């Protein structure tokens, strides 16, 4: 459920265009997408907070959270359930 929404937010935030449609749950993000730099991570977090009405603390953020699209979706799902 969250995966497709997050894929859309990620694609829009990073301006991935057509390349964003090819992302799957196993698609690596951090280190694999040159567009996902530190400033883009901040923009992405803000977009996720706004879209899903969640608060993401600095302590919540780790490289493993942004490892794959699936790990990011699982993180958002856990935040929504909290």
PDB file of N, CA and C in Angstrom:
ATOM      1  N   UNK A   1       0.822  -1.191   0.000  1.00  0.00           N
ATOM      2  CA  UNK A   1       0.000   0.000   0.000  1.00  0.00           C
ATOM      3  C   UNK A   1       0.869   1.259   0.000  1.00  0.00           C
ATOM      4  N   UNK A   2       1.822   1.308   0.931  1.00  0.00           N
ATOM      5  CA  UNK A   2       2.676   2.483   1.029  1.00  0.00           C
ATOM      6  C   UNK A   2       3.717   2.530  -0.091  1.00  0.00           C
ATOM      7  N   UNK A   3       4.087   1.369  -0.605  1.00  0.00           N
ATOM      8  CA  UNK A   3       5.168   1.299  -1.576  1.00  0.00           C
ATOM      9  C   UNK A   3       4.917   2.178  -2.802  1.00  0.00           C
ATOM     10  N   UNK A   4       3.742   2.072  -3.392  1.00  0.00           N
ATOM     11  CA  UNK A   4       3.441   2.851  -4.604  1.00  0.00           C
ATOM     12  C   UNK A   4       3.395   4.347  -4.304  1.00  0.00           C
ATOM     13  N   UNK A   5       2.839   4.710  -3.141  1.00  0.00           N
ATOM     14  CA  UNK A   5       2.783   6.117  -2.772  1.00  0.00           C
ATOM     15  C   UNK A   5       4.185   6.674  -2.565  1.00  0.00           C
ATOM     16  N   UNK A   6       5.023   5.908  -1.886  1.00  0.00           N
ATOM     17  CA  UNK A   6       6.392   6.360  -1.628  1.00  0.00           C
ATOM     18  C   UNK A   6       7.182   6.423  -2.929  1.00  0.00           C
ATOM     19  N   UNK A   7       6.946   5.474  -3.819  1.00  0.00           N
ATOM     20  CA  UNK A   7       7.617   5.507  -5.123  1.00  0.00           C
ATOM     21  C   UNK A   7       7.256   6.783  -5.871  1.00  0.00           C
ATOM     22  N   UNK A   8       6.001   7.178  -5.823  1.00  0.00           N
ATOM     23  CA  UNK A   8       5.563   8.407  -6.485  1.00  0.00           C
ATOM     24  C   UNK A   8       6.212   9.632  -5.839  1.00  0.00           C
ATOM     25  N   UNK A   9       6.223   9.679  -4.505  1.00  0.00           N
ATOM     26  CA  UNK A   9       6.841  10.803  -3.795  1.00  0.00           C
ATOM     27  C   UNK A   9       8.327  10.876  -4.112  1.00  0.00           C
ATOM     28  N   UNK A  10       8.997   9.735  -4.097  1.00  0.00           N
ATOM     29  CA  UNK A  10      10.425   9.680  -4.399  1.00  0.00           C
ATOM     30  C   UNK A  10      10.699  10.144  -5.823  1.00  0.00           C
ATOM     31  N   UNK A  11       9.907   9.659  -6.757  1.00  0.00           N
ATOM     32  CA  UNK A  11      10.073  10.030  -8.164  1.00  0.00           C
ATOM     33  C   UNK A  11       9.875  11.529  -8.359  1.00  0.00           C
ATOM     34  N   UNK A  12       8.846  12.075  -7.718  1.00  0.00           N
ATOM     35  CA  UNK A  12       8.564  13.504  -7.839  1.00  0.00           C
ATOM     36  C   UNK A  12       9.630  14.353  -7.154  1.00  0.00           C
ATOM     37  N   UNK A  13      10.020  13.965  -5.940  1.00  0.00           N
ATOM     38  CA  UNK A  13      10.988  14.739  -5.169  1.00  0.00           C
ATOM     39  C   UNK A  13      12.353  14.774  -5.846  1.00  0.00           C
ATOM     40  N   UNK A  14      12.757  13.633  -6.411  1.00  0.00           N
ATOM     41  CA  UNK A  14      14.075  13.545  -7.044  1.00  0.00           C
ATOM     42  C   UNK A  14      14.032  13.831  -8.541  1.00  0.00           C
ATOM     43  N   UNK A  15      12.840  14.122  -9.059  1.00  0.00           N
ATOM     44  CA  UNK A  15      12.666  14.362 -10.500  1.00  0.00           C
ATOM     45  C   UNK A  15      13.261  13.221 -11.327  1.00  0.00           C
ATOM     46  N   UNK A  16      12.871  11.997 -10.981  1.00  0.00           N
ATOM     47  CA  UNK A  16      13.400  10.812 -11.661  1.00  0.00           C
ATOM     48  C   UNK A  16      12.727  10.545 -13.003  1.00  0.00           C
ATOM     49  N   UNK A  17      11.531  11.080 -13.201  1.00  0.00           N
ATOM     50  CA  UNK A  17      10.832  10.869 -14.464  1.00  0.00           C
ATOM     51  C   UNK A  17      10.541   9.410 -14.706  1.00  0.00           C
ATOM     52  N   UNK A  18      10.793   8.963 -15.911  1.00  0.00           N
ATOM     53  CA  UNK A  18      10.485   7.584 -16.300  1.00  0.00           C
ATOM     54  C   UNK A  18      11.254   6.561 -15.479  1.00  0.00           C
ATOM     55  N   UNK A  19      12.450   6.904 -15.043  1.00  0.00           N
ATOM     56  CA  UNK A  19      13.263   5.962 -14.263  1.00  0.00           C
ATOM     57  C   UNK A  19      12.571   5.592 -12.957  1.00  0.00           C
ATOM     58  N   UNK A  20      11.758   6.482 -12.426  1.00  0.00           N
ATOM     59  CA  UNK A  20      11.054   6.205 -11.185  1.00  0.00           C
ATOM     60  C   UNK A  20      10.032   5.101 -11.309  1.00  0.00           C
ATOM     61  N   UNK A  21       9.466   4.935 -12.491  1.00  0.00           N
ATOM     62  CA  UNK A  21       8.454   3.883 -12.694  1.00  0.00           C
ATOM     63  C   UNK A  21       9.055   2.496 -12.587  1.00  0.00           C
ATOM     64  N   UNK A  22      10.355   2.374 -12.837  1.00  0.00           N
ATOM     65  CA  UNK A  22      11.003   1.069 -12.811  1.00  0.00           C
ATOM     66  C   UNK A  22      11.429   0.635 -11.412  1.00  0.00           C
ATOM     67  N   UNK A  23      11.256   1.498 -10.423  1.00  0.00           N
ATOM     68  CA  UNK A  23      11.665   1.151  -9.068  1.00  0.00           C
ATOM     69  C   UNK A  23      10.765   0.061  -8.495  1.00  0.00           C
ATOM     70  N   UNK A  24      11.381  -0.876  -7.778  1.00  0.00           N
ATOM     71  CA  UNK A  24      10.647  -1.934  -7.090  1.00  0.00           C
ATOM     72  C   UNK A  24      11.039  -1.905  -5.621  1.00  0.00           C
ATOM     73  N   UNK A  25      10.426  -2.759  -4.824  1.00  0.00           N
ATOM     74  CA  UNK A  25      10.737  -2.818  -3.395  1.00  0.00           C
ATOM     75  C   UNK A  25      12.213  -3.124  -3.165  1.00  0.00           C
ATOM     76  N   UNK A  26      12.828  -3.864  -4.071  1.00  0.00           N
ATOM     77  CA  UNK A  26      14.231  -4.251  -3.914  1.00  0.00           C
ATOM     78  C   UNK A  26      15.211  -3.248  -4.521  1.00  0.00           C
ATOM     79  N   UNK A  27      14.700  -2.187  -5.115  1.00  0.00           N
ATOM     80  CA  UNK A  27      15.582  -1.192  -5.745  1.00  0.00           C
ATOM     81  C   UNK A  27      16.414  -0.472  -4.692  1.00  0.00           C
ATOM     82  N   UNK A  28      17.739  -0.498  -4.855  1.00  0.00           N
ATOM     83  CA  UNK A  28      18.591   0.229  -3.909  1.00  0.00           C
ATOM     84  C   UNK A  28      18.425   1.728  -4.093  1.00  0.00           C
ATOM     85  N   UNK A  29      18.476   2.464  -2.997  1.00  0.00           N
ATOM     86  CA  UNK A  29      18.311   3.912  -3.051  1.00  0.00           C
ATOM     87  C   UNK A  29      19.614   4.618  -2.711  1.00  0.00           C
ATOM     88  N   UNK A  30      19.954   4.660  -1.424  1.00  0.00           N
ATOM     89  CA  UNK A  30      21.125   5.400  -0.973  1.00  0.00           C
ATOM     90  C   UNK A  30      22.392   4.805  -1.571  1.00  0.00           C
ATOM     91  N   UNK A  31      23.127   5.611  -2.285  1.00  0.00           N
ATOM     92  CA  UNK A  31      24.346   5.157  -2.934  1.00  0.00           C
ATOM     93  C   UNK A  31      24.123   4.682  -4.357  1.00  0.00           C
ATOM     94  N   UNK A  32      22.876   4.363  -4.705  1.00  0.00           N
ATOM     95  CA  UNK A  32      22.572   3.878  -6.050  1.00  0.00           C
ATOM     96  C   UNK A  32      21.936   4.956  -6.912  1.00  0.00           C
ATOM     97  N   UNK A  33      21.230   5.879  -6.283  1.00  0.00           N
ATOM     98  CA  UNK A  33      20.594   6.980  -7.014  1.00  0.00           C
ATOM     99  C   UNK A  33      21.416   8.241  -6.787  1.00  0.00           C
ATOM    100  N   UNK A  34      22.107   8.718  -7.816  1.00  0.00           N
ATOM    101  CA  UNK A  34      22.921   9.921  -7.634  1.00  0.00           C
ATOM    102  C   UNK A  34      22.086  11.123  -7.203  1.00  0.00           C
ATOM    103  N   UNK A  35      20.807  11.109  -7.550  1.00  0.00           N
ATOM    104  CA  UNK A  35      19.918  12.216  -7.182  1.00  0.00           C
ATOM    105  C   UNK A  35      19.646  12.263  -5.673  1.00  0.00           C
ATOM    106  N   UNK A  36      19.847  11.132  -4.989  1.00  0.00           N
ATOM    107  CA  UNK A  36      19.539  11.049  -3.561  1.00  0.00           C
ATOM    108  C   UNK A  36      20.761  11.448  -2.744  1.00  0.00           C
ATOM    109  N   UNK A  37      21.037  12.757  -2.733  1.00  0.00           N
ATOM    110  CA  UNK A  37      22.130  13.276  -1.918  1.00  0.00           C
ATOM    111  C   UNK A  37      21.560  13.752  -0.584  1.00  0.00           C
ATOM    112  N   UNK A  38      22.389  14.338   0.252  1.00  0.00           N
ATOM    113  CA  UNK A  38      21.941  14.728   1.590  1.00  0.00           C
ATOM    114  C   UNK A  38      20.803  15.741   1.554  1.00  0.00           C
ATOM    115  N   UNK A  39      20.857  16.681   0.633  1.00  0.00           N
ATOM    116  CA  UNK A  39      19.774  17.670   0.530  1.00  0.00           C
ATOM    117  C   UNK A  39      18.483  17.006   0.038  1.00  0.00           C
ATOM    118  N   UNK A  40      18.607  16.058  -0.858  1.00  0.00           N
ATOM    119  CA  UNK A  40      17.422  15.349  -1.368  1.00  0.00           C
ATOM    120  C   UNK A  40      16.794  14.498  -0.270  1.00  0.00           C
ATOM    121  N   UNK A  41      17.622  13.929   0.607  1.00  0.00           N
ATOM    122  CA  UNK A  41      17.090  13.143   1.721  1.00  0.00           C
ATOM    123  C   UNK A  41      16.222  14.034   2.607  1.00  0.00           C
ATOM    124  N   UNK A  42      16.684  15.248   2.870  1.00  0.00           N
ATOM    125  CA  UNK A  42      15.919  16.191   3.691  1.00  0.00           C
ATOM    126  C   UNK A  42      14.595  16.532   3.006  1.00  0.00           C
ATOM    127  N   UNK A  43      14.640  16.790   1.717  1.00  0.00           N
ATOM    128  CA  UNK A  43      13.413  17.090   0.965  1.00  0.00           C
ATOM    129  C   UNK A  43      12.459  15.901   0.965  1.00  0.00           C
ATOM    130  N   UNK A  44      13.016  14.707   0.806  1.00  0.00           N
ATOM    131  CA  UNK A  44      12.198  13.493   0.793  1.00  0.00           C
ATOM    132  C   UNK A  44      11.540  13.267   2.145  1.00  0.00           C
ATOM    133  N   UNK A  45      12.290  13.470   3.218  1.00  0.00           N
ATOM    134  CA  UNK A  45      11.731  13.312   4.561  1.00  0.00           C
ATOM    135  C   UNK A  45      10.588  14.293   4.772  1.00  0.00           C
ATOM    136  N   UNK A  46      10.780  15.531   4.365  1.00  0.00           N
ATOM    137  CA  UNK A  46       9.722  16.546   4.509  1.00  0.00           C
ATOM    138  C   UNK A  46       8.487  16.145   3.712  1.00  0.00           C
ATOM    139  N   UNK A  47       8.678  15.633   2.511  1.00  0.00           N
ATOM    140  CA  UNK A  47       7.545  15.212   1.674  1.00  0.00           C
ATOM    141  C   UNK A  47       6.819  14.027   2.298  1.00  0.00           C
ATOM    142  N   UNK A  48       7.563  13.091   2.865  1.00  0.00           N
ATOM    143  CA  UNK A  48       6.941  11.929   3.517  1.00  0.00           C
ATOM    144  C   UNK A  48       6.168  12.358   4.759  1.00  0.00           C
ATOM    145  N   UNK A  49       6.757  13.271   5.539  1.00  0.00           N
ATOM    146  CA  UNK A  49       6.077  13.763   6.744  1.00  0.00           C
ATOM    147  C   UNK A  49       4.749  14.420   6.379  1.00  0.00           C
ATOM    148  N   UNK A  50       4.790  15.243   5.348  1.00  0.00           N
ATOM    149  CA  UNK A  50       3.583  15.952   4.938  1.00  0.00           C
ATOM    150  C   UNK A  50       2.530  15.001   4.375  1.00  0.00           C
ATOM    151  N   UNK A  51       2.948  14.114   3.482  1.00  0.00           N
ATOM    152  CA  UNK A  51       2.001  13.218   2.814  1.00  0.00           C
ATOM    153  C   UNK A  51       1.344  12.244   3.790  1.00  0.00           C
ATOM    154  N   UNK A  52       2.154  11.664   4.679  1.00  0.00           N
ATOM    155  CA  UNK A  52       1.643  10.624   5.568  1.00  0.00           C
ATOM    156  C   UNK A  52       1.284  11.145   6.963  1.00  0.00           C
ATOM    157  N   UNK A  53       1.447  12.451   7.185  1.00  0.00           N
ATOM    158  CA  UNK A  53       1.146  13.071   8.477  1.00  0.00           C
ATOM    159  C   UNK A  53       1.890  12.362   9.607  1.00  0.00           C
ATOM    160  N   UNK A  54       3.194  12.238   9.441  1.00  0.00           N
ATOM    161  CA  UNK A  54       4.046  11.615  10.449  1.00  0.00           C
ATOM    162  C   UNK A  54       5.162  12.590  10.809  1.00  0.00           C
ATOM    163  N   UNK A  55       5.802  12.331  11.930  1.00  0.00           N
ATOM    164  CA  UNK A  55       6.976  13.108  12.340  1.00  0.00           C
ATOM    165  C   UNK A  55       8.172  12.169  12.338  1.00  0.00           C
ATOM    166  N   UNK A  56       9.212  12.565  11.639  1.00  0.00           N
ATOM    167  CA  UNK A  56      10.424  11.754  11.567  1.00  0.00           C
ATOM    168  C   UNK A  56      11.526  12.499  12.303  1.00  0.00           C
ATOM    169  N   UNK A  57      11.983  11.914  13.396  1.00  0.00           N
ATOM    170  CA  UNK A  57      13.045  12.516  14.199  1.00  0.00           C
ATOM    171  C   UNK A  57      14.405  12.186  13.596  1.00  0.00           C
ATOM    172  N   UNK A  58      15.378  13.011  13.894  1.00  0.00           N
ATOM    173  CA  UNK A  58      16.736  12.764  13.406  1.00  0.00           C
ATOM    174  C   UNK A  58      17.234  11.389  13.835  1.00  0.00           C
ATOM    175  N   UNK A  59      16.845  10.963  15.040  1.00  0.00           N
ATOM    176  CA  UNK A  59      17.280   9.660  15.554  1.00  0.00           C
ATOM    177  C   UNK A  59      16.676   8.495  14.772  1.00  0.00           C
ATOM    178  N   UNK A  60      15.575   8.760  14.055  1.00  0.00           N
ATOM    179  CA  UNK A  60      14.912   7.711  13.278  1.00  0.00           C
ATOM    180  C   UNK A  60      15.631   7.409  11.974  1.00  0.00           C
ATOM    181  N   UNK A  61      16.464   8.329  11.544  1.00  0.00           N
ATOM    182  CA  UNK A  61      17.054   8.245  10.210  1.00  0.00           C
ATOM    183  C   UNK A  61      18.380   7.496  10.262  1.00  0.00           C
ATOM    184  N   UNK A  62      18.481   6.490   9.410  1.00  0.00           N
ATOM    185  CA  UNK A  62      19.733   5.741   9.288  1.00  0.00           C
ATOM    186  C   UNK A  62      19.906   5.315   7.837  1.00  0.00           C
ATOM    187  N   UNK A  63      21.094   4.897   7.514  1.00  0.00           N
ATOM    188  CA  UNK A  63      21.359   4.442   6.146  1.00  0.00           C
ATOM    189  C   UNK A  63      20.480   3.248   5.795  1.00  0.00           C
ATOM    190  N   UNK A  64      20.184   2.395   6.777  1.00  0.00           N
ATOM    191  CA  UNK A  64      19.362   1.212   6.497  1.00  0.00           C
ATOM    192  C   UNK A  64      17.930   1.601   6.127  1.00  0.00           C
ATOM    193  N   UNK A  65      17.447   2.732   6.657  1.00  0.00           N
ATOM    194  CA  UNK A  65      16.109   3.203   6.318  1.00  0.00           C
ATOM    195  C   UNK A  65      16.012   3.491   4.826  1.00  0.00           C
ATOM    196  N   UNK A  66      17.071   4.054   4.274  1.00  0.00           N
ATOM    197  CA  UNK A  66      17.096   4.444   2.867  1.00  0.00           C
ATOM    198  C   UNK A  66      17.848   3.437   1.993  1.00  0.00           C
ATOM    199  N   UNK A  67      18.006   2.227   2.490  1.00  0.00           N
ATOM    200  CA  UNK A  67      18.728   1.195   1.753  1.00  0.00           C
ATOM    201  C   UNK A  67      18.017   0.817   0.452  1.00  0.00           C
ATOM    202  N   UNK A  68      16.722   0.510   0.571  1.00  0.00           N
ATOM    203  CA  UNK A  68      15.918   0.149  -0.607  1.00  0.00           C
ATOM    204  C   UNK A  68      14.569   0.846  -0.518  1.00  0.00           C
ATOM    205  N   UNK A  69      13.837   0.817  -1.604  1.00  0.00           N
ATOM    206  CA  UNK A  69      12.489   1.375  -1.590  1.00  0.00           C
ATOM    207  C   UNK A  69      11.627   0.616  -0.589  1.00  0.00           C
ATOM    208  N   UNK A  70      11.822  -0.680  -0.509  1.00  0.00           N
ATOM    209  CA  UNK A  70      11.073  -1.506   0.437  1.00  0.00           C
ATOM    210  C   UNK A  70      11.372  -1.162   1.888  1.00  0.00           C
ATOM    211  N   UNK A  71      12.642  -0.905   2.208  1.00  0.00           N
ATOM    212  CA  UNK A  71      12.994  -0.555   3.586  1.00  0.00           C
ATOM    213  C   UNK A  71      12.412   0.808   3.955  1.00  0.00           C
ATOM    214  N   UNK A  72      12.369   1.720   3.001  1.00  0.00           N
ATOM    215  CA  UNK A  72      11.775   3.026   3.250  1.00  0.00           C
ATOM    216  C   UNK A  72      10.262   2.887   3.462  1.00  0.00           C
ATOM    217  N   UNK A  73       9.623   2.047   2.676  1.00  0.00           N
ATOM    218  CA  UNK A  73       8.184   1.808   2.828  1.00  0.00           C
ATOM    219  C   UNK A  73       7.888   1.159   4.177  1.00  0.00           C
ATOM    220  N   UNK A  74       8.714   0.211   4.595  1.00  0.00           N
ATOM    221  CA  UNK A  74       8.523  -0.447   5.891  1.00  0.00           C
ATOM    222  C   UNK A  74       8.692   0.554   7.031  1.00  0.00           C
ATOM    223  N   UNK A  75       9.641   1.464   6.888  1.00  0.00           N
ATOM    224  CA  UNK A  75       9.862   2.501   7.888  1.00  0.00           C
ATOM    225  C   UNK A  75       8.626   3.397   8.014  1.00  0.00           C
ATOM    226  N   UNK A  76       8.101   3.849   6.886  1.00  0.00           N
ATOM    227  CA  UNK A  76       6.918   4.715   6.899  1.00  0.00           C
ATOM    228  C   UNK A  76       5.730   3.966   7.489  1.00  0.00           C
ATOM    229  N   UNK A  77       5.573   2.722   7.119  1.00  0.00           N
ATOM    230  CA  UNK A  77       4.465   1.922   7.653  1.00  0.00           C
ATOM    231  C   UNK A  77       4.574   1.798   9.173  1.00  0.00           C
ATOM    232  N   UNK A  78       5.787   1.591   9.681  1.00  0.00           N
ATOM    233  CA  UNK A  78       5.999   1.488  11.119  1.00  0.00           C
ATOM    234  C   UNK A  78       5.692   2.827  11.803  1.00  0.00           C
ATOM    235  N   UNK A  79       6.076   3.931  11.185  1.00  0.00           N
ATOM    236  CA  UNK A  79       5.794   5.254  11.751  1.00  0.00           C
ATOM    237  C   UNK A  79       4.289   5.523  11.771  1.00  0.00           C
ATOM    238  N   UNK A  80       3.592   5.078  10.751  1.00  0.00           N
ATOM    239  CA  UNK A  80       2.138   5.291  10.686  1.00  0.00           C
ATOM    240  C   UNK A  80       1.430   4.453  11.742  1.00  0.00           C
ATOM    241  N   UNK A  81       1.981   3.297  12.044  1.00  0.00           N
ATOM    242  CA  UNK A  81       1.356   2.421  13.031  1.00  0.00           C
ATOM    243  C   UNK A  81       1.668   2.819  14.462  1.00  0.00           C
ATOM    244  N   UNK A  82       2.684   3.637  14.619  1.00  0.00           N
ATOM    245  CA  UNK A  82       3.116   4.026  15.978  1.00  0.00           C
ATOM    246  C   UNK A  82       2.175   5.047  16.589  1.00  0.00           C
TER     247      UNK A  82
END
